Amino acid sequence: MFGCAVYVPIAPPQRTKMGPQRRREIYIGFDSPSIITYLEPLTGDVCKARFEDCHFDERIFQSLGGDKS
């Protein structure tokens, strides 16, 4: 579902054995049947990943804006 949290694998050069293996991003759509696009909320970059390597959590929807209090 558009806007839900997606956990994408961290590429081997950036990850360590004892560190996290995935990072939480924001799902924004499909590029093809086997490729998804996602948004990195900290940098605003749009990236791609293989669908079968990702885990979706449709219970979490991250906000993009700051706290409006």
N, C-alpha and C. Protein backbone atom coordinates (compact mmCIF):
# COMPACT_ATOMS: atom_id res chain seq x y z
N MET A 1 0.84 -1.17 0.00
CA MET A 1 0.00 0.00 0.00
C MET A 1 0.89 1.24 0.00
N PHE A 2 0.56 2.19 -0.83
CA PHE A 2 1.33 3.42 -0.97
C PHE A 2 1.54 4.11 0.38
N GLY A 3 2.77 4.44 0.69
CA GLY A 3 3.09 5.16 1.92
C GLY A 3 3.41 4.29 3.12
N CYS A 4 3.28 2.98 3.00
CA CYS A 4 3.55 2.11 4.15
C CYS A 4 5.06 1.91 4.32
N ALA A 5 5.44 1.38 5.44
CA ALA A 5 6.85 1.11 5.71
C ALA A 5 7.30 -0.11 4.94
N VAL A 6 8.48 -0.03 4.38
CA VAL A 6 9.08 -1.17 3.69
C VAL A 6 10.50 -1.31 4.21
N TYR A 7 10.88 -2.52 4.54
CA TYR A 7 12.22 -2.80 5.04
C TYR A 7 13.04 -3.34 3.88
N VAL A 8 14.05 -2.57 3.48
CA VAL A 8 14.89 -2.96 2.34
C VAL A 8 16.26 -3.39 2.86
N PRO A 9 16.88 -4.35 2.18
CA PRO A 9 18.19 -4.82 2.63
C PRO A 9 19.26 -3.76 2.45
N ILE A 10 20.19 -3.73 3.39
CA ILE A 10 21.35 -2.84 3.29
C ILE A 10 22.40 -3.58 2.48
N ALA A 11 22.98 -2.89 1.52
CA ALA A 11 24.00 -3.51 0.65
C ALA A 11 25.21 -3.95 1.48
N PRO A 12 25.83 -5.07 1.11
CA PRO A 12 26.95 -5.61 1.89
C PRO A 12 28.09 -4.62 2.20
N PRO A 13 28.47 -3.72 1.33
CA PRO A 13 29.56 -2.80 1.73
C PRO A 13 29.19 -1.88 2.90
N GLN A 14 27.88 -1.55 3.06
CA GLN A 14 27.48 -0.63 4.13
C GLN A 14 27.05 -1.34 5.42
N ARG A 15 26.85 -2.64 5.40
CA ARG A 15 26.38 -3.31 6.61
C ARG A 15 27.52 -4.12 7.24
N THR A 16 27.34 -4.41 8.51
CA THR A 16 28.31 -5.22 9.24
C THR A 16 27.61 -6.49 9.72
N LYS A 17 28.39 -7.45 10.15
CA LYS A 17 27.81 -8.71 10.62
C LYS A 17 26.91 -8.51 11.83
N MET A 18 27.30 -7.66 12.73
CA MET A 18 26.53 -7.47 13.96
C MET A 18 25.55 -6.31 13.87
N GLY A 19 25.58 -5.55 12.80
CA GLY A 19 24.69 -4.40 12.65
C GLY A 19 23.37 -4.78 12.01
N PRO A 20 22.53 -3.78 11.77
CA PRO A 20 21.23 -4.07 11.13
C PRO A 20 21.42 -4.56 9.71
N GLN A 21 20.53 -5.43 9.27
CA GLN A 21 20.57 -5.99 7.92
C GLN A 21 19.59 -5.29 6.98
N ARG A 22 18.63 -4.56 7.55
CA ARG A 22 17.62 -3.84 6.76
C ARG A 22 17.39 -2.47 7.36
N ARG A 23 16.85 -1.57 6.53
CA ARG A 23 16.48 -0.24 7.03
C ARG A 23 15.06 0.06 6.59
N ARG A 24 14.37 0.84 7.40
CA ARG A 24 12.96 1.16 7.11
C ARG A 24 12.89 2.38 6.22
N GLU A 25 12.14 2.23 5.13
CA GLU A 25 11.94 3.29 4.16
C GLU A 25 10.45 3.43 3.90
N ILE A 26 10.06 4.27 2.96
CA ILE A 26 8.65 4.50 2.64
C ILE A 26 8.38 4.01 1.22
N TYR A 27 7.44 3.08 1.09
CA TYR A 27 7.09 2.51 -0.20
C TYR A 27 6.30 3.53 -1.01
N ILE A 28 6.70 3.74 -2.29
CA ILE A 28 5.96 4.69 -3.13
C ILE A 28 5.43 4.08 -4.43
N GLY A 29 5.81 2.86 -4.77
CA GLY A 29 5.21 2.26 -5.96
C GLY A 29 6.06 1.19 -6.60
N PHE A 30 5.53 0.65 -7.71
CA PHE A 30 6.23 -0.36 -8.50
C PHE A 30 6.89 0.30 -9.69
N ASP A 31 8.10 -0.12 -10.02
CA ASP A 31 8.76 0.31 -11.24
C ASP A 31 8.51 -0.72 -12.34
N SER A 32 8.45 -1.97 -11.96
CA SER A 32 8.13 -3.09 -12.85
C SER A 32 7.56 -4.19 -11.95
N PRO A 33 7.13 -5.32 -12.49
CA PRO A 33 6.56 -6.36 -11.63
C PRO A 33 7.51 -6.89 -10.54
N SER A 34 8.82 -6.77 -10.74
CA SER A 34 9.74 -7.29 -9.75
C SER A 34 10.58 -6.21 -9.05
N ILE A 35 10.36 -4.93 -9.37
CA ILE A 35 11.13 -3.84 -8.80
C ILE A 35 10.18 -2.83 -8.15
N ILE A 36 10.49 -2.43 -6.91
CA ILE A 36 9.69 -1.40 -6.24
C ILE A 36 10.52 -0.12 -6.14
N THR A 37 9.83 0.99 -5.94
CA THR A 37 10.51 2.25 -5.65
C THR A 37 10.15 2.65 -4.24
N TYR A 38 11.11 3.24 -3.56
CA TYR A 38 10.88 3.68 -2.19
C TYR A 38 11.59 4.99 -1.95
N LEU A 39 11.17 5.69 -0.92
CA LEU A 39 11.71 6.98 -0.56
C LEU A 39 12.52 6.86 0.71
N GLU A 40 13.72 7.43 0.71
CA GLU A 40 14.52 7.52 1.92
C GLU A 40 14.13 8.82 2.61
N PRO A 41 13.43 8.75 3.75
CA PRO A 41 12.89 9.97 4.36
C PRO A 41 13.94 10.96 4.85
N LEU A 42 15.12 10.50 5.22
CA LEU A 42 16.14 11.43 5.73
C LEU A 42 16.79 12.24 4.62
N THR A 43 16.97 11.65 3.45
CA THR A 43 17.65 12.35 2.36
C THR A 43 16.69 12.82 1.27
N GLY A 44 15.51 12.21 1.18
CA GLY A 44 14.57 12.55 0.13
C GLY A 44 14.87 11.86 -1.20
N ASP A 45 15.80 10.92 -1.20
CA ASP A 45 16.16 10.20 -2.42
C ASP A 45 15.13 9.12 -2.73
N VAL A 46 14.87 8.93 -4.02
CA VAL A 46 14.01 7.85 -4.49
C VAL A 46 14.91 6.76 -5.02
N CYS A 47 14.75 5.53 -4.50
CA CYS A 47 15.61 4.41 -4.88
C CYS A 47 14.76 3.22 -5.31
N LYS A 48 15.42 2.19 -5.78
CA LYS A 48 14.75 0.98 -6.23
C LYS A 48 15.32 -0.24 -5.54
N ALA A 49 14.49 -1.27 -5.40
CA ALA A 49 14.92 -2.54 -4.80
C ALA A 49 14.09 -3.67 -5.39
N ARG A 50 14.61 -4.88 -5.28
CA ARG A 50 13.86 -6.04 -5.76
C ARG A 50 12.71 -6.34 -4.79
N PHE A 51 11.54 -6.62 -5.35
CA PHE A 51 10.35 -6.87 -4.55
C PHE A 51 10.55 -8.03 -3.57
N GLU A 52 11.15 -9.13 -4.05
CA GLU A 52 11.28 -10.32 -3.21
C GLU A 52 12.27 -10.14 -2.06
N ASP A 53 13.11 -9.10 -2.09
CA ASP A 53 14.06 -8.86 -1.01
C ASP A 53 13.49 -7.96 0.09
N CYS A 54 12.31 -7.38 -0.13
CA CYS A 54 11.74 -6.39 0.79
C CYS A 54 10.64 -6.99 1.64
N HIS A 55 10.46 -6.41 2.82
CA HIS A 55 9.37 -6.79 3.72
C HIS A 55 8.50 -5.56 3.96
N PHE A 56 7.21 -5.70 3.74
CA PHE A 56 6.27 -4.60 3.88
C PHE A 56 5.55 -4.69 5.22
N ASP A 57 5.32 -3.54 5.85
CA ASP A 57 4.55 -3.48 7.08
C ASP A 57 3.46 -2.44 6.87
N GLU A 58 2.26 -2.91 6.54
CA GLU A 58 1.15 -2.00 6.23
C GLU A 58 0.48 -1.43 7.47
N ARG A 59 1.01 -1.72 8.65
CA ARG A 59 0.49 -1.12 9.88
C ARG A 59 1.19 0.18 10.20
N ILE A 60 2.33 0.45 9.54
CA ILE A 60 3.14 1.64 9.84
C ILE A 60 3.13 2.57 8.64
N PHE A 61 2.74 3.83 8.87
CA PHE A 61 2.79 4.87 7.86
C PHE A 61 3.57 6.04 8.45
N GLN A 62 4.75 6.27 7.91
CA GLN A 62 5.62 7.32 8.43
C GLN A 62 5.16 8.68 7.90
N SER A 63 5.39 9.73 8.69
CA SER A 63 5.08 11.07 8.22
C SER A 63 6.35 11.68 7.63
N LEU A 64 6.17 12.55 6.66
CA LEU A 64 7.31 13.18 6.01
C LEU A 64 7.63 14.54 6.61
N GLY A 65 6.63 15.23 7.13
CA GLY A 65 6.83 16.56 7.67
C GLY A 65 7.29 16.52 9.12
N GLY A 66 7.68 17.66 9.61
CA GLY A 66 8.08 17.77 11.01
C GLY A 66 6.87 17.77 11.92
N ASP A 67 7.13 17.82 13.21
CA ASP A 67 6.05 17.83 14.21
C ASP A 67 5.35 19.19 14.15
N LYS A 68 4.04 19.22 14.02
CA LYS A 68 3.30 20.46 13.87
C LYS A 68 2.63 20.86 15.18
N SER A 69 3.40 20.92 16.25
CA SER A 69 2.81 21.32 17.53
C SER A 69 3.19 22.72 17.88
